[in-house]
C-alpha atoms as a PDB file:
ATOM      1  CA  MET A   1     -92.295  28.709  29.694  1.00  0.00           C
ATOM      2  CA  ALA A   2     -92.646  29.511  33.968  1.00  0.00           C
ATOM      3  CA  SER A   3     -89.476  30.753  35.094  1.00  0.00           C
ATOM      4  CA  TYR A   4     -88.751  27.449  36.770  1.00  0.00           C
ATOM      5  CA  GLN A   5     -88.466  25.435  33.474  1.00  0.00           C
ATOM      6  CA  VAL A   6     -85.709  28.214  32.656  1.00  0.00           C
ATOM      7  CA  LEU A   7     -83.995  28.179  35.476  1.00  0.00           C
ATOM      8  CA  ASN A   8     -83.448  24.450  34.977  1.00  0.00           C
ATOM      9  CA  ALA A   9     -82.895  24.969  31.189  1.00  0.00           C
ATOM     10  CA  ILE A  10     -80.374  27.299  32.085  1.00  0.00           C
ATOM     11  CA  LYS A  11     -78.695  24.821  34.789  1.00  0.00           C
ATOM     12  CA  MET A  12     -78.016  22.044  32.687  1.00  0.00           C
ATOM     13  CA  THR A  13     -76.493  23.558  29.761  1.00  0.00           C
ATOM     14  CA  ASN A  14     -74.179  25.754  32.801  1.00  0.00           C
ATOM     15  CA  PRO A  15     -73.170  23.335  35.622  1.00  0.00           C
ATOM     16  CA  ILE A  16     -73.678  24.558  38.920  1.00  0.00           C
ATOM     17  CA  PRO A  17     -69.844  26.315  39.756  1.00  0.00           C
ATOM     18  CA  THR A  18     -68.399  25.061  42.813  1.00  0.00           C
ATOM     19  CA  LEU A  19     -68.200  28.061  45.865  1.00  0.00           C
ATOM     20  CA  TYR A  20     -64.436  28.521  44.771  1.00  0.00           C
ATOM     21  CA  GLU A  21     -65.117  28.646  41.413  1.00  0.00           C
ATOM     22  CA  TRP A  22     -67.906  31.089  42.286  1.00  0.00           C
ATOM     23  CA  ALA A  23     -66.058  33.771  44.360  1.00  0.00           C
ATOM     24  CA  GLY A  24     -62.963  33.492  41.821  1.00  0.00           C
ATOM     25  CA  ASP A  25     -59.586  32.098  42.696  1.00  0.00           C
ATOM     26  CA  MET A  26     -57.016  31.540  44.914  1.00  0.00           C
ATOM     27  CA  LYS A  27     -55.870  35.169  44.636  1.00  0.00           C
ATOM     28  CA  THR A  28     -59.201  36.262  46.014  1.00  0.00           C
ATOM     29  CA  PHE A  29     -59.496  33.418  48.922  1.00  0.00           C
ATOM     30  CA  GLU A  30     -55.794  34.717  49.796  1.00  0.00           C
ATOM     31  CA  THR A  31     -56.158  38.585  49.425  1.00  0.00           C
ATOM     32  CA  LEU A  32     -59.143  37.602  52.149  1.00  0.00           C
ATOM     33  CA  PHE A  33     -57.476  35.960  54.500  1.00  0.00           C
ATOM     34  CA  ASP A  34     -54.369  38.134  54.118  1.00  0.00           C
ATOM     35  CA  ARG A  35     -56.119  41.372  54.732  1.00  0.00           C
ATOM     36  CA  PHE A  36     -58.165  39.584  57.415  1.00  0.00           C
ATOM     37  CA  TYR A  37     -55.381  38.426  59.892  1.00  0.00           C
ATOM     38  CA  ASP A  38     -53.807  42.341  59.300  1.00  0.00           C
ATOM     39  CA  LYS A  39     -57.690  42.979  61.748  1.00  0.00           C
ATOM     40  CA  VAL A  40     -57.102  39.919  63.849  1.00  0.00           C
ATOM     41  CA  LEU A  41     -53.698  41.339  65.074  1.00  0.00           C
ATOM     42  CA  LYS A  42     -54.609  44.773  65.702  1.00  0.00           C
ATOM     43  CA  ASP A  43     -57.379  43.614  67.583  1.00  0.00           C
ATOM     44  CA  GLU A  44     -57.346  43.624  70.899  1.00  0.00           C
ATOM     45  CA  LEU A  45     -59.469  39.943  71.718  1.00  0.00           C
ATOM     46  CA  LEU A  46     -57.672  38.323  69.105  1.00  0.00           C
ATOM     47  CA  VAL A  47     -53.981  39.283  69.073  1.00  0.00           C
ATOM     48  CA  ASP A  48     -53.100  37.259  71.615  1.00  0.00           C
ATOM     49  CA  VAL A  49     -54.193  34.278  69.891  1.00  0.00           C
ATOM     50  CA  PHE A  50     -52.526  35.196  66.484  1.00  0.00           C
ATOM     51  CA  LYS A  51     -49.433  36.806  67.692  1.00  0.00           C
ATOM     52  CA  ASN A  52     -47.171  33.950  67.384  1.00  0.00           C
ATOM     53  CA  MET A  53     -48.846  33.001  64.279  1.00  0.00           C
ATOM     54  CA  SER A  54     -46.335  31.343  61.717  1.00  0.00           C
ATOM     55  CA  PRO A  55     -45.588  33.240  58.875  1.00  0.00           C
ATOM     56  CA  ASP A  56     -47.313  30.593  56.502  1.00  0.00           C
ATOM     57  CA  HIS A  57     -50.576  30.436  58.388  1.00  0.00           C
ATOM     58  CA  ARG A  58     -52.400  33.648  55.780  1.00  0.00           C
ATOM     59  CA  ALA A  59     -51.472  31.772  53.452  1.00  0.00           C
ATOM     60  CA  HIS A  60     -52.528  27.773  54.701  1.00  0.00           C
ATOM     61  CA  VAL A  61     -56.256  29.087  56.153  1.00  0.00           C
ATOM     62  CA  ALA A  62     -56.633  30.700  52.526  1.00  0.00           C
ATOM     63  CA  HIS A  63     -55.663  27.493  50.638  1.00  0.00           C
ATOM     64  CA  PHE A  64     -57.972  25.551  53.309  1.00  0.00           C
ATOM     65  CA  VAL A  65     -61.149  27.304  52.519  1.00  0.00           C
ATOM     66  CA  ALA A  66     -60.246  27.274  49.190  1.00  0.00           C
ATOM     67  CA  GLU A  67     -60.008  23.426  49.015  1.00  0.00           C
ATOM     68  CA  VAL A  68     -62.982  22.971  51.660  1.00  0.00           C
ATOM     69  CA  PHE A  69     -65.013  25.207  48.923  1.00  0.00           C
ATOM     70  CA  GLY A  70     -63.792  22.685  45.922  1.00  0.00           C
ATOM     71  CA  GLY A  71     -60.528  24.797  44.799  1.00  0.00           C
ATOM     72  CA  GLU A  72     -56.883  23.196  43.949  1.00  0.00           C
ATOM     73  CA  LYS A  73     -55.913  21.157  46.852  1.00  0.00           C
ATOM     74  CA  LEU A  74     -52.887  23.342  47.226  1.00  0.00           C
ATOM     75  CA  TYR A  75     -53.951  22.558  51.875  1.00  0.00           C
ATOM     76  CA  THR A  76     -52.912  19.029  51.025  1.00  0.00           C
ATOM     77  CA  THR A  77     -50.793  19.188  48.337  1.00  0.00           C
ATOM     78  CA  GLN A  78     -48.428  22.316  48.382  1.00  0.00           C
ATOM     79  CA  ASP A  79     -48.661  22.784  52.586  1.00  0.00           C
ATOM     80  CA  ASN A  80     -48.527  19.389  53.325  1.00  0.00           C
ATOM     81  CA  GLY A  81     -51.769  19.705  55.714  1.00  0.00           C
ATOM     82  CA  SER A  82     -54.728  17.619  56.369  1.00  0.00           C
ATOM     83  CA  HIS A  83     -57.729  17.971  58.722  1.00  0.00           C
ATOM     84  CA  ALA A  84     -56.640  16.350  60.976  1.00  0.00           C
ATOM     85  CA  GLN A  85     -53.878  18.971  61.395  1.00  0.00           C
ATOM     86  CA  MET A  86     -56.625  22.012  60.944  1.00  0.00           C
ATOM     87  CA  ILE A  87     -58.201  20.852  63.941  1.00  0.00           C
ATOM     88  CA  GLY A  88     -55.039  19.954  65.873  1.00  0.00           C
ATOM     89  CA  LYS A  89     -54.373  23.751  65.594  1.00  0.00           C
ATOM     90  CA  HIS A  90     -56.835  24.254  68.032  1.00  0.00           C
ATOM     91  CA  ILE A  91     -56.239  21.908  70.051  1.00  0.00           C
ATOM     92  CA  GLY A  92     -55.579  22.778  73.719  1.00  0.00           C
ATOM     93  CA  LYS A  93     -56.185  26.887  72.919  1.00  0.00           C
ATOM     94  CA  MET A  94     -59.172  27.228  75.024  1.00  0.00           C
ATOM     95  CA  LEU A  95     -61.299  29.593  72.751  1.00  0.00           C
ATOM     96  CA  THR A  96     -64.115  31.152  73.555  1.00  0.00           C
ATOM     97  CA  GLU A  97     -67.820  32.067  72.354  1.00  0.00           C
ATOM     98  CA  GLU A  98     -66.526  35.987  72.303  1.00  0.00           C
ATOM     99  CA  LYS A  99     -63.334  35.639  70.568  1.00  0.00           C
ATOM    100  CA  ARG A 100     -65.242  32.975  67.995  1.00  0.00           C
ATOM    101  CA  GLN A 101     -67.944  35.810  67.376  1.00  0.00           C
ATOM    102  CA  ARG A 102     -65.234  38.230  66.794  1.00  0.00           C
ATOM    103  CA  TRP A 103     -63.341  36.336  64.602  1.00  0.00           C
ATOM    104  CA  VAL A 104     -66.565  36.131  62.402  1.00  0.00           C
ATOM    105  CA  GLN A 105     -67.191  39.090  62.301  1.00  0.00           C
ATOM    106  CA  LEU A 106     -63.925  40.195  61.559  1.00  0.00           C
ATOM    107  CA  LEU A 107     -64.201  37.992  58.166  1.00  0.00           C
ATOM    108  CA  LEU A 108     -67.588  39.298  57.370  1.00  0.00           C
ATOM    109  CA  GLN A 109     -66.684  42.557  57.397  1.00  0.00           C
ATOM    110  CA  THR A 110     -63.174  41.990  55.696  1.00  0.00           C
ATOM    111  CA  ALA A 111     -65.358  39.647  52.796  1.00  0.00           C
ATOM    112  CA  ASP A 112     -67.375  42.981  52.054  1.00  0.00           C
ATOM    113  CA  GLU A 113     -64.460  44.818  52.019  1.00  0.00           C
ATOM    114  CA  VAL A 114     -62.478  42.941  49.449  1.00  0.00           C
ATOM    115  CA  GLY A 115     -64.899  42.947  47.096  1.00  0.00           C
ATOM    116  CA  LEU A 116     -66.201  38.798  48.741  1.00  0.00           C
ATOM    117  CA  LYS A 117     -69.136  38.259  46.426  1.00  0.00           C
ATOM    118  CA  SER A 118     -72.043  38.868  47.975  1.00  0.00           C
ATOM    119  CA  ASP A 119     -75.274  37.527  46.529  1.00  0.00           C
ATOM    120  CA  PRO A 120     -77.552  35.674  49.330  1.00  0.00           C
ATOM    121  CA  GLU A 121     -76.581  32.312  48.204  1.00  0.00           C
ATOM    122  CA  PHE A 122     -72.991  32.247  48.426  1.00  0.00           C
ATOM    123  CA  ARG A 123     -72.990  34.489  51.602  1.00  0.00           C
ATOM    124  CA  SER A 124     -75.415  31.720  53.023  1.00  0.00           C
ATOM    125  CA  ALA A 125     -72.830  29.146  52.084  1.00  0.00           C
ATOM    126  CA  PHE A 126     -69.930  31.156  52.659  1.00  0.00           C
ATOM    127  CA  VAL A 127     -71.299  32.320  56.379  1.00  0.00           C
ATOM    128  CA  GLY A 128     -73.111  28.692  56.825  1.00  0.00           C
ATOM    129  CA  TYR A 129     -69.030  27.450  56.818  1.00  0.00           C
ATOM    130  CA  ILE A 130     -67.544  29.550  58.787  1.00  0.00           C
ATOM    131  CA  GLU A 131     -70.374  29.440  61.777  1.00  0.00           C
ATOM    132  CA  TRP A 132     -69.704  26.006  61.500  1.00  0.00           C
ATOM    133  CA  GLY A 133     -65.988  25.772  61.672  1.00  0.00           C
ATOM    134  CA  THR A 134     -65.355  28.357  63.837  1.00  0.00           C
ATOM    135  CA  ARG A 135     -67.472  26.630  66.284  1.00  0.00           C
ATOM    136  CA  LEU A 136     -65.778  23.343  65.704  1.00  0.00           C
ATOM    137  CA  ALA A 137     -62.981  24.993  66.362  1.00  0.00           C
ATOM    138  CA  VAL A 138     -63.929  26.103  69.503  1.00  0.00           C
ATOM    139  CA  ILE A 139     -64.543  22.551  70.819  1.00  0.00           C
ATOM    140  CA  ASN A 140     -62.214  21.612  70.053  1.00  0.00           C
ATOM    141  CA  SER A 141     -59.868  24.324  71.321  1.00  0.00           C
ATOM    142  CA  GLN A 142     -61.330  22.587  74.926  1.00  0.00           C
ATOM    143  CA  LEU A 143     -59.909  19.427  74.379  1.00  0.00           C
ATOM    144  CA  PRO A 144     -56.867  17.775  75.278  1.00  0.00           C
ATOM    145  CA  GLU A 145     -55.588  15.918  72.735  1.00  0.00           C
ATOM    146  CA  LEU A 146     -56.846  15.014  68.500  1.00  0.00           C
ATOM    147  CA  PRO A 147     -60.830  14.210  68.375  1.00  0.00           C
ATOM    148  CA  ILE A 148     -60.571  12.642  64.820  1.00  0.00           C
ATOM    149  CA  ALA A 149     -58.338  10.343  62.966  1.00  0.00           C
ATOM    150  CA  GLU A 150     -55.397  11.622  60.679  1.00  0.00           C
ATOM    151  CA  THR A 151     -56.438  10.017  57.688  1.00  0.00           C
ATOM    152  CA  GLU A 152     -60.201  11.642  58.609  1.00  0.00           C
ATOM    153  CA  PRO A 153     -61.067  13.511  54.943  1.00  0.00           C
ATOM    154  CA  MET A 154     -60.902  16.992  54.308  1.00  0.00           C
ATOM    155  CA  PRO A 155     -64.331  18.160  54.163  1.00  0.00           C
ATOM    156  CA  LYS A 156     -65.951  19.891  51.693  1.00  0.00           C
ATOM    157  CA  TRP A 157     -68.789  22.375  51.402  1.00  0.00           C
ATOM    158  CA  GLY A 158     -71.586  23.272  48.722  1.00  0.00           C
ATOM    159  CA  TRP A 159     -74.372  25.266  48.015  1.00  0.00           C
ATOM    160  CA  GLY A 160     -76.606  24.237  50.849  1.00  0.00           C
ATOM    161  CA  GLU A 161     -75.328  20.646  52.243  1.00  0.00           C
ATOM    162  CA  THR A 162     -75.409  20.068  56.112  1.00  0.00           C
ATOM    163  CA  GLY A 163     -74.010  17.325  58.092  1.00  0.00           C
ATOM    164  CA  GLY A 164     -76.909  16.505  59.532  1.00  0.00           C
ATOM    165  CA  PRO A 165     -77.530  17.012  63.486  1.00  0.00           C
ATOM    166  CA  TYR A 166     -74.231  18.190  65.270  1.00  0.00           C
ATOM    167  CA  ILE A 167     -73.501  15.108  68.293  1.00  0.00           C
ATOM    168  CA  PRO A 168     -71.097  15.357  71.118  1.00  0.00           C
ATOM    169  CA  ASP A 169     -69.436  11.918  71.403  1.00  0.00           C
ATOM    170  CA  SER A 170     -67.895  11.212  75.180  1.00  0.00           C
ATOM    171  CA  THR A 171     -64.174  13.461  74.252  1.00  0.00           C
ATOM    172  CA  THR A 172     -66.839  17.059  73.424  1.00  0.00           C
ATOM    173  CA  LYS A 173     -68.969  18.832  76.444  1.00  0.00           C
ATOM    174  CA  PRO A 174     -72.155  19.720  75.194  1.00  0.00           C
ATOM    175  CA  SER A 175     -72.536  23.670  74.414  1.00  0.00           C
END
């Protein structure tokens, strides 16, 4: 039997897990973001952006990313959050590309330190989401008001889906 046939047979008997399931559980995400924000608060480039974050910020981000990755809906139920609310947290913050890159660098460093899965497929999906999300955060941080409706659904991220090309509308600046 050819190797692709074996792989397909395995997939049929073992459904592909969500990114959340593959990563572990909610504790995995909470640990990742708790340790990550410890680093952020010590980083001279990022500390001013985050020094006044709420005590719940770490958990809210962990719950948001876990939900986007197919996990429990703690962000939208327990935290009473929404996609629009997360975007709204970035409005007017005037984030820079340098800050975005540092944020990503520290998160990936922390992911390695806490033992987040490092197989190429998972890390590709994880990094893809982090790149996509942080680039949108920079764009949204330049805006004076929320660019989406409060009813906008939560994003969902999987093993390789993309949203198509980014086409800015009249409220965003091209990068």
